[in-house]
Amino acid sequence: MADEGLRPIIVKRIKKSGGGHPGGAWKIAYADFVTAMMA
């Protein structure tokens, strides 16, 4: 029961912290870079 309660918290925390900001930041930065190179 302890593992069942602790496991979702760890997964949710990693997913929110690791996939939230960095995932969007590099896409925006890359898109801006490509746009600048084309122009």
Protein backbone atom coordinates (compact mmCIF):
# COMPACT_ATOMS: atom_id res chain seq x y z
CA MET A 1 0.00 0.00 0.00
CA ALA A 2 2.95 2.30 0.67
CA ASP A 3 4.45 1.57 -2.74
CA GLU A 4 1.11 2.06 -4.46
CA GLY A 5 0.75 5.52 -2.92
CA LEU A 6 4.37 6.57 -3.48
CA ARG A 7 4.79 5.38 -7.06
CA PRO A 8 2.24 7.71 -8.79
CA ILE A 9 3.68 10.73 -6.96
CA ILE A 10 7.20 10.02 -8.28
CA VAL A 11 6.01 9.41 -11.84
CA LYS A 12 3.80 12.50 -11.87
CA ARG A 13 6.58 14.66 -10.43
CA ILE A 14 9.17 13.53 -13.00
CA LYS A 15 6.71 13.90 -15.86
CA LYS A 16 5.70 17.41 -14.83
CA SER A 17 9.23 18.62 -14.05
CA GLY A 18 11.07 16.90 -16.90
CA GLY A 19 8.55 17.15 -19.71
CA GLY A 20 6.97 20.51 -19.05
CA HIS A 21 9.32 23.44 -19.49
CA PRO A 22 12.33 21.88 -21.30
CA GLY A 23 10.05 20.16 -23.81
CA GLY A 24 8.46 23.43 -24.86
CA ALA A 25 11.58 25.57 -24.53
CA TRP A 26 13.79 23.72 -27.02
CA LYS A 27 10.99 23.57 -29.60
CA ILE A 28 10.46 27.34 -29.44
CA ALA A 29 14.20 28.02 -29.51
CA TYR A 30 14.71 25.65 -32.45
CA ALA A 31 11.78 27.09 -34.39
CA ASP A 32 13.11 30.61 -33.84
CA PHE A 33 16.57 29.52 -35.00
CA VAL A 34 15.24 27.85 -38.16
CA THR A 35 13.09 30.89 -38.94
CA ALA A 36 16.10 33.15 -38.55
CA MET A 37 18.21 30.96 -40.84
CA MET A 38 15.52 30.94 -43.55
CA ALA A 39 15.16 34.71 -43.39
